[in-house]
Amino acid sequence: MEKIITHVSNIHLKKSLFKNAQFILFAGSGAMGCPGNVVVITYGGSIFQGNYCYDDIKYEKLLRAIPILNDLENGAFNNENDASNGWNLQYLGAGNVLLIRDDAYEEFKKLTEKVEYAEDYDQIWFDTAWSIIEKQNKGKHPIVTKTDEELELTKHFGRPMDEDGQRYKEKKEKDPVKVNRITITPKLIHENGTPGGTIRTNSGFFSDHRSYMAELWYSEETTCVTYYFPVDDPVTGIIPKDKKIIKKYLINEEKLRKHETHYLDVSVLKKENGIEIYSVTVAVACEDDRYCEAYL
């Protein structure tokens, strides 16, 4: 998994963005290193970072957006093994603490069982947490493991992380040709040529570098758009055959609009060598009735 970090400010601080938080680094205002630093890693691997001392973040709003920080502020953690609120505390030394959600705590402690001093956790906590994130997300597409809010913010403001895990680096697009991926072509989809009624086609790559082809077509007074894309991908994993998830995926790829009614028909085309391709047809209009927008 690629580490994508998104810098957050007051405008982004909402409970819904952090509801799947699994690891939270919190530095007190007098902490050594980077006072006021907050890093949140979600179950799906979203990384959010902000600073309530130096950035446009109000401390009170931060506590409302991440309620577990109120427990930390109010001394609810009596010791490092207190999981009564669903979270566990690991002290990192010098005013820095790490909050670990119950479902990751046992694995985290197992991976760090040889660590003797608190300050040593500070050097390894991120890589340890990330190894857990990668393990639980293996073979799963982000559209399944991340919330709509995570996907939206990361897509527009996320940047790859440097090797030190803290700073942004220039965002570079992956070259999909360098990975053993399926490329969707008209010949692969239509062995006997493009069917009649086809008005226009387009092809390219989605933001996860998955190849796709879109066809606008007309039949019996109904206008539709059909999207073809691989079910599985060697990098980003399988998209489950679930209409809600596939709809969410197409909305995230800006092919459909979020608040419109969508009539979807989903099927799987089976090709040679075990290749499976989604065929997702969206009804756009029938006679004078328009249902939704669907972009090629």
C-alpha atoms as a PDB file:
ATOM      1  CA  MET A   1       0.000   0.000   0.000  1.00  0.00           C
ATOM      2  CA  GLU A   2       1.213   3.472  -0.825  1.00  0.00           C
ATOM      3  CA  LYS A   3       1.394   5.860   2.111  1.00  0.00           C
ATOM      4  CA  ILE A   4      -0.745   8.907   1.243  1.00  0.00           C
ATOM      5  CA  ILE A   5      -0.825  11.673   3.852  1.00  0.00           C
ATOM      6  CA  THR A   6      -3.475  14.390   3.901  1.00  0.00           C
ATOM      7  CA  HIS A   7      -2.981  17.627   5.813  1.00  0.00           C
ATOM      8  CA  VAL A   8      -6.146  18.693   7.636  1.00  0.00           C
ATOM      9  CA  SER A   9      -7.323  22.016   9.049  1.00  0.00           C
ATOM     10  CA  ASN A  10     -10.437  23.337  10.816  1.00  0.00           C
ATOM     11  CA  ILE A  11     -12.634  23.009   7.741  1.00  0.00           C
ATOM     12  CA  HIS A  12     -12.001  19.246   7.614  1.00  0.00           C
ATOM     13  CA  LEU A  13     -12.557  18.457  11.298  1.00  0.00           C
ATOM     14  CA  LYS A  14     -15.670  16.265  11.362  1.00  0.00           C
ATOM     15  CA  LYS A  15     -16.390  13.096  13.337  1.00  0.00           C
ATOM     16  CA  SER A  16     -17.298  11.247  10.150  1.00  0.00           C
ATOM     17  CA  LEU A  17     -13.776  11.690   8.768  1.00  0.00           C
ATOM     18  CA  PHE A  18     -12.142   9.992  11.745  1.00  0.00           C
ATOM     19  CA  LYS A  19     -14.753   7.400  12.698  1.00  0.00           C
ATOM     20  CA  ASN A  20     -12.561   4.541  11.424  1.00  0.00           C
ATOM     21  CA  ALA A  21      -9.420   5.792  13.189  1.00  0.00           C
ATOM     22  CA  GLN A  22      -7.254   2.921  14.420  1.00  0.00           C
ATOM     23  CA  PHE A  23      -4.041   4.704  15.469  1.00  0.00           C
ATOM     24  CA  ILE A  24      -3.793   8.260  16.826  1.00  0.00           C
ATOM     25  CA  LEU A  25      -0.517   9.998  17.616  1.00  0.00           C
ATOM     26  CA  PHE A  26      -1.008  12.943  19.949  1.00  0.00           C
ATOM     27  CA  ALA A  27       1.720  15.375  20.996  1.00  0.00           C
ATOM     28  CA  GLY A  28       1.025  17.727  23.875  1.00  0.00           C
ATOM     29  CA  SER A  29       1.570  21.455  23.473  1.00  0.00           C
ATOM     30  CA  GLY A  30       4.801  21.120  25.440  1.00  0.00           C
ATOM     31  CA  ALA A  31       5.966  17.872  23.880  1.00  0.00           C
ATOM     32  CA  MET A  32       9.432  17.420  22.490  1.00  0.00           C
ATOM     33  CA  GLY A  33       9.831  16.844  18.768  1.00  0.00           C
ATOM     34  CA  CYS A  34       6.752  18.446  17.217  1.00  0.00           C
ATOM     35  CA  PRO A  35       4.436  20.036  19.824  1.00  0.00           C
ATOM     36  CA  GLY A  36       0.753  19.926  18.888  1.00  0.00           C
ATOM     37  CA  ASN A  37       1.206  17.260  16.235  1.00  0.00           C
ATOM     38  CA  VAL A  38      -1.694  14.879  15.591  1.00  0.00           C
ATOM     39  CA  VAL A  39      -1.523  11.949  13.174  1.00  0.00           C
ATOM     40  CA  VAL A  40      -4.521   9.695  12.536  1.00  0.00           C
ATOM     41  CA  ILE A  41      -4.306   6.402  10.639  1.00  0.00           C
ATOM     42  CA  THR A  42      -7.627   4.793   9.755  1.00  0.00           C
ATOM     43  CA  TYR A  43      -8.449   1.108   9.331  1.00  0.00           C
ATOM     44  CA  GLY A  44      -8.392   1.546   5.538  1.00  0.00           C
ATOM     45  CA  GLY A  45      -4.979   3.221   5.534  1.00  0.00           C
ATOM     46  CA  SER A  46      -5.865   6.905   5.276  1.00  0.00           C
ATOM     47  CA  ILE A  47      -3.289   9.103   7.007  1.00  0.00           C
ATOM     48  CA  PHE A  48      -4.376  12.508   8.302  1.00  0.00           C
ATOM     49  CA  GLN A  49      -2.022  15.009   9.924  1.00  0.00           C
ATOM     50  CA  GLY A  50      -2.480  18.396  11.535  1.00  0.00           C
ATOM     51  CA  ASN A  51      -1.077  20.580  14.287  1.00  0.00           C
ATOM     52  CA  TYR A  52      -3.222  22.442  16.818  1.00  0.00           C
ATOM     53  CA  CYS A  53      -0.305  24.636  17.894  1.00  0.00           C
ATOM     54  CA  TYR A  54       0.927  25.873  14.533  1.00  0.00           C
ATOM     55  CA  ASP A  55      -1.796  25.066  11.964  1.00  0.00           C
ATOM     56  CA  ASP A  56      -5.315  26.355  11.396  1.00  0.00           C
ATOM     57  CA  ILE A  57      -6.812  23.945  13.922  1.00  0.00           C
ATOM     58  CA  LYS A  58      -8.780  24.908  17.013  1.00  0.00           C
ATOM     59  CA  TYR A  59      -8.062  22.572  19.896  1.00  0.00           C
ATOM     60  CA  GLU A  60     -11.701  22.504  21.057  1.00  0.00           C
ATOM     61  CA  LYS A  61     -12.890  21.540  17.580  1.00  0.00           C
ATOM     62  CA  LEU A  62     -10.229  18.840  17.356  1.00  0.00           C
ATOM     63  CA  LEU A  63     -11.578  17.277  20.572  1.00  0.00           C
ATOM     64  CA  ARG A  64     -15.103  17.288  19.157  1.00  0.00           C
ATOM     65  CA  ALA A  65     -13.969  15.680  15.889  1.00  0.00           C
ATOM     66  CA  ILE A  66     -11.935  12.960  17.662  1.00  0.00           C
ATOM     67  CA  PRO A  67     -13.882  12.262  20.890  1.00  0.00           C
ATOM     68  CA  ILE A  68     -11.348   9.770  22.280  1.00  0.00           C
ATOM     69  CA  LEU A  69      -8.976  12.725  22.761  1.00  0.00           C
ATOM     70  CA  ASN A  70     -11.410  14.012  25.383  1.00  0.00           C
ATOM     71  CA  ASP A  71     -10.766  10.834  27.385  1.00  0.00           C
ATOM     72  CA  LEU A  72      -7.057  11.488  27.091  1.00  0.00           C
ATOM     73  CA  GLU A  73      -7.541  15.113  28.133  1.00  0.00           C
ATOM     74  CA  ASN A  74      -9.683  14.114  31.110  1.00  0.00           C
ATOM     75  CA  GLY A  75      -7.318  11.404  32.343  1.00  0.00           C
ATOM     76  CA  ALA A  76      -9.589   8.467  31.478  1.00  0.00           C
ATOM     77  CA  PHE A  77      -6.562   6.301  30.682  1.00  0.00           C
ATOM     78  CA  ASN A  78      -5.414   5.095  34.099  1.00  0.00           C
ATOM     79  CA  ASN A  79      -2.634   2.978  32.623  1.00  0.00           C
ATOM     80  CA  GLU A  80      -1.373   1.688  29.302  1.00  0.00           C
ATOM     81  CA  ASN A  81      -3.562  -1.408  29.449  1.00  0.00           C
ATOM     82  CA  ASP A  82      -6.848   0.378  30.165  1.00  0.00           C
ATOM     83  CA  ALA A  83      -9.125  -0.504  27.245  1.00  0.00           C
ATOM     84  CA  SER A  84     -12.421   0.311  28.941  1.00  0.00           C
ATOM     85  CA  ASN A  85     -13.208   2.896  26.270  1.00  0.00           C
ATOM     86  CA  GLY A  86     -12.181   0.700  23.347  1.00  0.00           C
ATOM     87  CA  TRP A  87      -8.718   2.261  23.107  1.00  0.00           C
ATOM     88  CA  ASN A  88      -5.293   1.655  24.593  1.00  0.00           C
ATOM     89  CA  LEU A  89      -2.519   4.103  25.398  1.00  0.00           C
ATOM     90  CA  GLN A  90       1.150   3.656  24.592  1.00  0.00           C
ATOM     91  CA  TYR A  91       3.426   6.363  25.968  1.00  0.00           C
ATOM     92  CA  LEU A  92       6.137   7.411  23.509  1.00  0.00           C
ATOM     93  CA  GLY A  93       8.060   9.663  25.860  1.00  0.00           C
ATOM     94  CA  ALA A  94       8.567  13.426  26.104  1.00  0.00           C
ATOM     95  CA  GLY A  95       4.850  14.316  26.035  1.00  0.00           C
ATOM     96  CA  ASN A  96       3.935  12.123  23.035  1.00  0.00           C
ATOM     97  CA  VAL A  97       1.349   9.346  23.235  1.00  0.00           C
ATOM     98  CA  LEU A  98      -0.102   6.807  20.838  1.00  0.00           C
ATOM     99  CA  LEU A  99      -3.722   5.668  21.079  1.00  0.00           C
ATOM    100  CA  ILE A 100      -4.379   2.218  19.623  1.00  0.00           C
ATOM    101  CA  ARG A 101      -7.853   0.849  19.000  1.00  0.00           C
ATOM    102  CA  ASP A 102      -8.691  -2.509  20.584  1.00  0.00           C
ATOM    103  CA  ASP A 103      -8.754  -4.448  17.308  1.00  0.00           C
ATOM    104  CA  ALA A 104      -5.111  -3.557  16.568  1.00  0.00           C
ATOM    105  CA  TYR A 105      -3.642  -3.452  20.066  1.00  0.00           C
ATOM    106  CA  GLU A 106      -2.814  -7.137  20.548  1.00  0.00           C
ATOM    107  CA  GLU A 107      -0.987  -7.316  17.213  1.00  0.00           C
ATOM    108  CA  PHE A 108       0.850  -4.043  17.930  1.00  0.00           C
ATOM    109  CA  LYS A 109       2.099  -5.299  21.300  1.00  0.00           C
ATOM    110  CA  LYS A 110       3.133  -8.606  19.773  1.00  0.00           C
ATOM    111  CA  LEU A 111       5.211  -6.841  17.123  1.00  0.00           C
ATOM    112  CA  THR A 112       6.826  -4.571  19.699  1.00  0.00           C
ATOM    113  CA  GLU A 113       7.317  -7.061  22.526  1.00  0.00           C
ATOM    114  CA  LYS A 114      11.095  -6.563  22.518  1.00  0.00           C
ATOM    115  CA  VAL A 115      10.861  -2.781  22.911  1.00  0.00           C
ATOM    116  CA  GLU A 116      12.083  -1.853  26.378  1.00  0.00           C
ATOM    117  CA  TYR A 117      11.841   1.936  26.658  1.00  0.00           C
ATOM    118  CA  ALA A 118       8.998   4.322  25.825  1.00  0.00           C
ATOM    119  CA  GLU A 119      11.158   6.560  23.661  1.00  0.00           C
ATOM    120  CA  ASP A 120      12.038   3.575  21.469  1.00  0.00           C
ATOM    121  CA  TYR A 121       8.377   3.254  20.484  1.00  0.00           C
ATOM    122  CA  ASP A 122       8.597   6.735  19.021  1.00  0.00           C
ATOM    123  CA  GLN A 123      11.012   5.454  16.377  1.00  0.00           C
ATOM    124  CA  ILE A 124       9.035   2.405  15.302  1.00  0.00           C
ATOM    125  CA  TRP A 125       5.359   3.026  16.002  1.00  0.00           C
ATOM    126  CA  PHE A 126       4.479   4.226  12.484  1.00  0.00           C
ATOM    127  CA  ASP A 127       6.105   1.338  10.602  1.00  0.00           C
ATOM    128  CA  THR A 128       4.592  -1.125  13.069  1.00  0.00           C
ATOM    129  CA  ALA A 129       1.134   0.380  12.683  1.00  0.00           C
ATOM    130  CA  TRP A 130       1.505   0.418   8.910  1.00  0.00           C
ATOM    131  CA  SER A 131       2.419  -3.273   8.800  1.00  0.00           C
ATOM    132  CA  ILE A 132      -0.861  -4.001  10.602  1.00  0.00           C
ATOM    133  CA  ILE A 133      -2.794  -1.758   8.215  1.00  0.00           C
ATOM    134  CA  GLU A 134      -1.269  -3.496   5.176  1.00  0.00           C
ATOM    135  CA  LYS A 135      -2.044  -6.948   6.549  1.00  0.00           C
ATOM    136  CA  GLN A 136      -5.719  -6.239   7.235  1.00  0.00           C
ATOM    137  CA  ASN A 137      -6.225  -4.504   3.875  1.00  0.00           C
ATOM    138  CA  LYS A 138      -4.447  -7.060   1.702  1.00  0.00           C
ATOM    139  CA  GLY A 139      -6.516  -7.874  -1.367  1.00  0.00           C
ATOM    140  CA  LYS A 140      -9.179  -5.295  -0.494  1.00  0.00           C
ATOM    141  CA  HIS A 141      -9.977  -2.223  -2.559  1.00  0.00           C
ATOM    142  CA  PRO A 142      -9.995   1.162  -0.759  1.00  0.00           C
ATOM    143  CA  ILE A 143     -13.584   1.681  -1.912  1.00  0.00           C
ATOM    144  CA  VAL A 144     -14.475  -1.106   0.561  1.00  0.00           C
ATOM    145  CA  THR A 145     -12.246  -0.156   3.488  1.00  0.00           C
ATOM    146  CA  LYS A 146     -12.499   3.651   3.447  1.00  0.00           C
ATOM    147  CA  THR A 147     -15.438   5.950   4.125  1.00  0.00           C
ATOM    148  CA  ASP A 148     -16.777   8.389   1.536  1.00  0.00           C
ATOM    149  CA  GLU A 149     -15.207  11.260   3.485  1.00  0.00           C
ATOM    150  CA  GLU A 150     -11.791   9.585   3.534  1.00  0.00           C
ATOM    151  CA  LEU A 151     -11.887   8.866  -0.196  1.00  0.00           C
ATOM    152  CA  GLU A 152     -12.989  12.388  -1.099  1.00  0.00           C
ATOM    153  CA  LEU A 153     -10.421  14.258   0.995  1.00  0.00           C
ATOM    154  CA  THR A 154      -7.531  11.957   0.152  1.00  0.00           C
ATOM    155  CA  LYS A 155      -8.317  12.083  -3.552  1.00  0.00           C
ATOM    156  CA  HIS A 156      -8.139  15.871  -3.731  1.00  0.00           C
ATOM    157  CA  PHE A 157      -5.545  16.744  -1.074  1.00  0.00           C
ATOM    158  CA  GLY A 158      -3.524  13.598  -0.367  1.00  0.00           C
ATOM    159  CA  ARG A 159       0.185  13.449  -1.186  1.00  0.00           C
ATOM    160  CA  PRO A 160       2.675  10.548  -1.060  1.00  0.00           C
ATOM    161  CA  MET A 161       4.923  10.531   1.988  1.00  0.00           C
ATOM    162  CA  ASP A 162       8.698  10.784   2.061  1.00  0.00           C
ATOM    163  CA  GLU A 163      10.665   7.882   3.498  1.00  0.00           C
ATOM    164  CA  ASP A 164      10.762   9.606   6.878  1.00  0.00           C
ATOM    165  CA  GLY A 165       6.978   9.314   6.992  1.00  0.00           C
ATOM    166  CA  GLN A 166       6.303  12.938   7.834  1.00  0.00           C
ATOM    167  CA  ARG A 167       6.774  15.240   4.866  1.00  0.00           C
ATOM    168  CA  TYR A 168       5.053  15.567   1.533  1.00  0.00           C
ATOM    169  CA  LYS A 169       6.874  14.732  -1.643  1.00  0.00           C
ATOM    170  CA  GLU A 170       5.930  15.615  -5.182  1.00  0.00           C
ATOM    171  CA  LYS A 171       2.984  13.573  -6.312  1.00  0.00           C
ATOM    172  CA  LYS A 172       3.828  11.359  -9.266  1.00  0.00           C
ATOM    173  CA  GLU A 173       1.368   9.265 -11.208  1.00  0.00           C
ATOM    174  CA  LYS A 174       2.126   5.571 -11.427  1.00  0.00           C
ATOM    175  CA  ASP A 175       2.713   4.174 -14.867  1.00  0.00           C
ATOM    176  CA  PRO A 176      -0.002   1.508 -15.216  1.00  0.00           C
ATOM    177  CA  VAL A 177       1.907  -0.100 -18.088  1.00  0.00           C
ATOM    178  CA  LYS A 178       4.723  -1.092 -15.691  1.00  0.00           C
ATOM    179  CA  VAL A 179       2.396  -3.321 -13.702  1.00  0.00           C
ATOM    180  CA  ASN A 180       0.946  -6.583 -14.966  1.00  0.00           C
ATOM    181  CA  ARG A 181      -2.575  -5.280 -15.316  1.00  0.00           C
ATOM    182  CA  ILE A 182      -5.478  -5.910 -17.662  1.00  0.00           C
ATOM    183  CA  THR A 183      -6.027  -3.275 -20.346  1.00  0.00           C
ATOM    184  CA  ILE A 184      -9.635  -2.975 -21.450  1.00  0.00           C
ATOM    185  CA  THR A 185     -10.012  -2.700 -25.247  1.00  0.00           C
ATOM    186  CA  PRO A 186     -13.002  -2.928 -27.604  1.00  0.00           C
ATOM    187  CA  LYS A 187     -11.575  -6.173 -29.006  1.00  0.00           C
ATOM    188  CA  LEU A 188     -11.382  -7.726 -25.523  1.00  0.00           C
ATOM    189  CA  ILE A 189     -14.996  -6.791 -24.749  1.00  0.00           C
ATOM    190  CA  HIS A 190     -16.632  -7.253 -28.160  1.00  0.00           C
ATOM    191  CA  GLU A 191     -15.003 -10.117 -30.017  1.00  0.00           C
ATOM    192  CA  ASN A 192     -17.310  -9.615 -33.015  1.00  0.00           C
ATOM    193  CA  GLY A 193     -16.970  -5.836 -33.229  1.00  0.00           C
ATOM    194  CA  THR A 194     -18.728  -2.896 -31.573  1.00  0.00           C
ATOM    195  CA  PRO A 195     -22.484  -3.588 -31.374  1.00  0.00           C
ATOM    196  CA  GLY A 196     -25.063  -1.513 -33.183  1.00  0.00           C
ATOM    197  CA  GLY A 197     -26.612   1.369 -31.287  1.00  0.00           C
ATOM    198  CA  THR A 198     -23.273   2.528 -29.912  1.00  0.00           C
ATOM    199  CA  ILE A 199     -23.091   6.321 -29.996  1.00  0.00           C
ATOM    200  CA  ARG A 200     -19.697   7.059 -28.470  1.00  0.00           C
ATOM    201  CA  THR A 201     -16.942   5.331 -26.528  1.00  0.00           C
ATOM    202  CA  ASN A 202     -14.072   6.386 -24.295  1.00  0.00           C
ATOM    203  CA  SER A 203     -11.267   4.549 -22.515  1.00  0.00           C
ATOM    204  CA  GLY A 204      -8.608   5.392 -19.973  1.00  0.00           C
ATOM    205  CA  PHE A 205      -7.597   4.686 -16.386  1.00  0.00           C
ATOM    206  CA  PHE A 206      -9.417   5.306 -13.138  1.00  0.00           C
ATOM    207  CA  SER A 207      -7.629   7.028 -10.247  1.00  0.00           C
ATOM    208  CA  ASP A 208      -6.515   3.615  -8.921  1.00  0.00           C
ATOM    209  CA  HIS A 209      -4.924   3.021 -12.364  1.00  0.00           C
ATOM    210  CA  ARG A 210      -7.495   0.363 -13.233  1.00  0.00           C
ATOM    211  CA  SER A 211      -8.156   0.318 -16.991  1.00  0.00           C
ATOM    212  CA  TYR A 212     -11.724   1.024 -18.126  1.00  0.00           C
ATOM    213  CA  MET A 213     -13.853   1.555 -21.205  1.00  0.00           C
ATOM    214  CA  ALA A 214     -17.180   3.413 -21.331  1.00  0.00           C
ATOM    215  CA  GLU A 215     -19.837   3.160 -24.028  1.00  0.00           C
ATOM    216  CA  LEU A 216     -22.802   5.442 -24.600  1.00  0.00           C
ATOM    217  CA  TRP A 217     -25.499   3.529 -26.463  1.00  0.00           C
ATOM    218  CA  TYR A 218     -29.168   3.637 -27.401  1.00  0.00           C
ATOM    219  CA  SER A 219     -31.782   0.898 -27.696  1.00  0.00           C
ATOM    220  CA  GLU A 220     -35.576   0.937 -27.752  1.00  0.00           C
ATOM    221  CA  GLU A 221     -35.886   4.580 -26.660  1.00  0.00           C
ATOM    222  CA  THR A 222     -33.504   4.046 -23.711  1.00  0.00           C
ATOM    223  CA  THR A 223     -30.098   5.702 -23.441  1.00  0.00           C
ATOM    224  CA  CYS A 224     -27.472   3.973 -21.328  1.00  0.00           C
ATOM    225  CA  VAL A 225     -23.790   4.069 -20.458  1.00  0.00           C
ATOM    226  CA  THR A 226     -21.912   0.844 -19.828  1.00  0.00           C
ATOM    227  CA  TYR A 227     -18.604   0.787 -17.967  1.00  0.00           C
ATOM    228  CA  TYR A 228     -16.154  -2.095 -18.352  1.00  0.00           C
ATOM    229  CA  PHE A 229     -13.318  -2.563 -15.845  1.00  0.00           C
ATOM    230  CA  PRO A 230     -11.470  -5.492 -14.194  1.00  0.00           C
ATOM    231  CA  VAL A 231     -12.987  -7.160 -11.150  1.00  0.00           C
ATOM    232  CA  ASP A 232      -9.521  -7.779  -9.697  1.00  0.00           C
ATOM    233  CA  ASP A 233      -6.315  -5.750  -9.807  1.00  0.00           C
ATOM    234  CA  PRO A 234      -2.821  -6.871  -8.724  1.00  0.00           C
ATOM    235  CA  VAL A 235      -2.244  -3.643  -6.795  1.00  0.00           C
ATOM    236  CA  THR A 236      -5.564  -2.358  -5.478  1.00  0.00           C
ATOM    237  CA  GLY A 237      -7.419  -5.664  -5.117  1.00  0.00           C
ATOM    238  CA  ILE A 238     -10.935  -6.916  -5.800  1.00  0.00           C
ATOM    239  CA  ILE A 239     -14.023  -4.746  -6.081  1.00  0.00           C
ATOM    240  CA  PRO A 240     -16.846  -6.901  -4.640  1.00  0.00           C
ATOM    241  CA  LYS A 241     -19.907  -7.595  -6.763  1.00  0.00           C
ATOM    242  CA  ASP A 242     -22.128  -5.316  -4.737  1.00  0.00           C
ATOM    243  CA  LYS A 243     -24.197  -2.612  -6.424  1.00  0.00           C
ATOM    244  CA  LYS A 244     -23.747  -0.162  -3.558  1.00  0.00           C
ATOM    245  CA  ILE A 245     -19.971  -0.549  -3.578  1.00  0.00           C
ATOM    246  CA  ILE A 246     -19.740  -0.344  -7.375  1.00  0.00           C
ATOM    247  CA  LYS A 247     -21.952   2.748  -7.371  1.00  0.00           C
ATOM    248  CA  LYS A 248     -19.734   4.303  -4.689  1.00  0.00           C
ATOM    249  CA  TYR A 249     -16.683   3.462  -6.819  1.00  0.00           C
ATOM    250  CA  LEU A 250     -18.104   5.156  -9.930  1.00  0.00           C
ATOM    251  CA  ILE A 251     -19.133   8.207  -7.903  1.00  0.00           C
ATOM    252  CA  ASN A 252     -15.632   8.439  -6.453  1.00  0.00           C
ATOM    253  CA  GLU A 253     -14.273   8.258 -10.012  1.00  0.00           C
ATOM    254  CA  GLU A 254     -16.616  11.124 -10.949  1.00  0.00           C
ATOM    255  CA  LYS A 255     -18.500   9.058 -13.507  1.00  0.00           C
ATOM    256  CA  LEU A 256     -21.761   9.394 -11.594  1.00  0.00           C
ATOM    257  CA  ARG A 257     -23.176  12.164  -9.409  1.00  0.00           C
ATOM    258  CA  LYS A 258     -23.669  11.433  -5.740  1.00  0.00           C
ATOM    259  CA  HIS A 259     -27.232  12.632  -5.124  1.00  0.00           C
ATOM    260  CA  GLU A 260     -28.944  11.292  -8.240  1.00  0.00           C
ATOM    261  CA  THR A 261     -31.028   8.157  -8.733  1.00  0.00           C
ATOM    262  CA  HIS A 262     -29.067   5.411 -10.461  1.00  0.00           C
ATOM    263  CA  TYR A 263     -30.510   2.324 -12.111  1.00  0.00           C
ATOM    264  CA  LEU A 264     -27.589  -0.097 -12.375  1.00  0.00           C
ATOM    265  CA  ASP A 265     -27.290  -3.526 -13.914  1.00  0.00           C
ATOM    266  CA  VAL A 266     -24.094  -5.355 -12.936  1.00  0.00           C
ATOM    267  CA  SER A 267     -22.748  -8.489 -14.599  1.00  0.00           C
ATOM    268  CA  VAL A 268     -19.367 -10.180 -14.934  1.00  0.00           C
ATOM    269  CA  LEU A 269     -17.833 -11.071 -18.292  1.00  0.00           C
ATOM    270  CA  LYS A 270     -15.545 -14.097 -18.129  1.00  0.00           C
ATOM    271  CA  LYS A 271     -12.653 -14.049 -20.587  1.00  0.00           C
ATOM    272  CA  GLU A 272      -9.708 -16.318 -21.356  1.00  0.00           C
ATOM    273  CA  ASN A 273      -7.082 -17.033 -18.682  1.00  0.00           C
ATOM    274  CA  GLY A 274      -9.644 -16.525 -15.926  1.00  0.00           C
ATOM    275  CA  ILE A 275      -9.984 -12.778 -16.553  1.00  0.00           C
ATOM    276  CA  GLU A 276     -13.194 -11.321 -15.102  1.00  0.00           C
ATOM    277  CA  ILE A 277     -14.491  -7.925 -16.196  1.00  0.00           C
ATOM    278  CA  TYR A 278     -17.366  -5.941 -14.759  1.00  0.00           C
ATOM    279  CA  SER A 279     -20.047  -4.762 -17.139  1.00  0.00           C
ATOM    280  CA  VAL A 280     -21.942  -2.002 -15.331  1.00  0.00           C
ATOM    281  CA  THR A 281     -24.833  -0.476 -17.247  1.00  0.00           C
ATOM    282  CA  VAL A 282     -26.411   2.755 -16.045  1.00  0.00           C
ATOM    283  CA  ALA A 283     -29.776   3.859 -17.458  1.00  0.00           C
ATOM    284  CA  VAL A 284     -29.422   7.562 -18.296  1.00  0.00           C
ATOM    285  CA  ALA A 285     -32.772   8.376 -19.923  1.00  0.00           C
ATOM    286  CA  CYS A 286     -35.892   6.848 -21.414  1.00  0.00           C
ATOM    287  CA  GLU A 287     -37.782   8.898 -23.988  1.00  0.00           C
ATOM    288  CA  ASP A 288     -38.247  12.302 -22.284  1.00  0.00           C
ATOM    289  CA  ASP A 289     -37.393  11.102 -18.774  1.00  0.00           C
ATOM    290  CA  ARG A 290     -33.830  11.749 -17.653  1.00  0.00           C
ATOM    291  CA  TYR A 291     -32.615   9.667 -14.711  1.00  0.00           C
ATOM    292  CA  CYS A 292     -29.055  10.763 -14.122  1.00  0.00           C
ATOM    293  CA  GLU A 293     -25.777  11.939 -15.602  1.00  0.00           C
ATOM    294  CA  ALA A 294     -23.179   9.335 -16.533  1.00  0.00           C
ATOM    295  CA  TYR A 295     -19.845  10.568 -17.828  1.00  0.00           C
ATOM    296  CA  LEU A 296     -17.597   8.723 -20.247  1.00  0.00           C
END
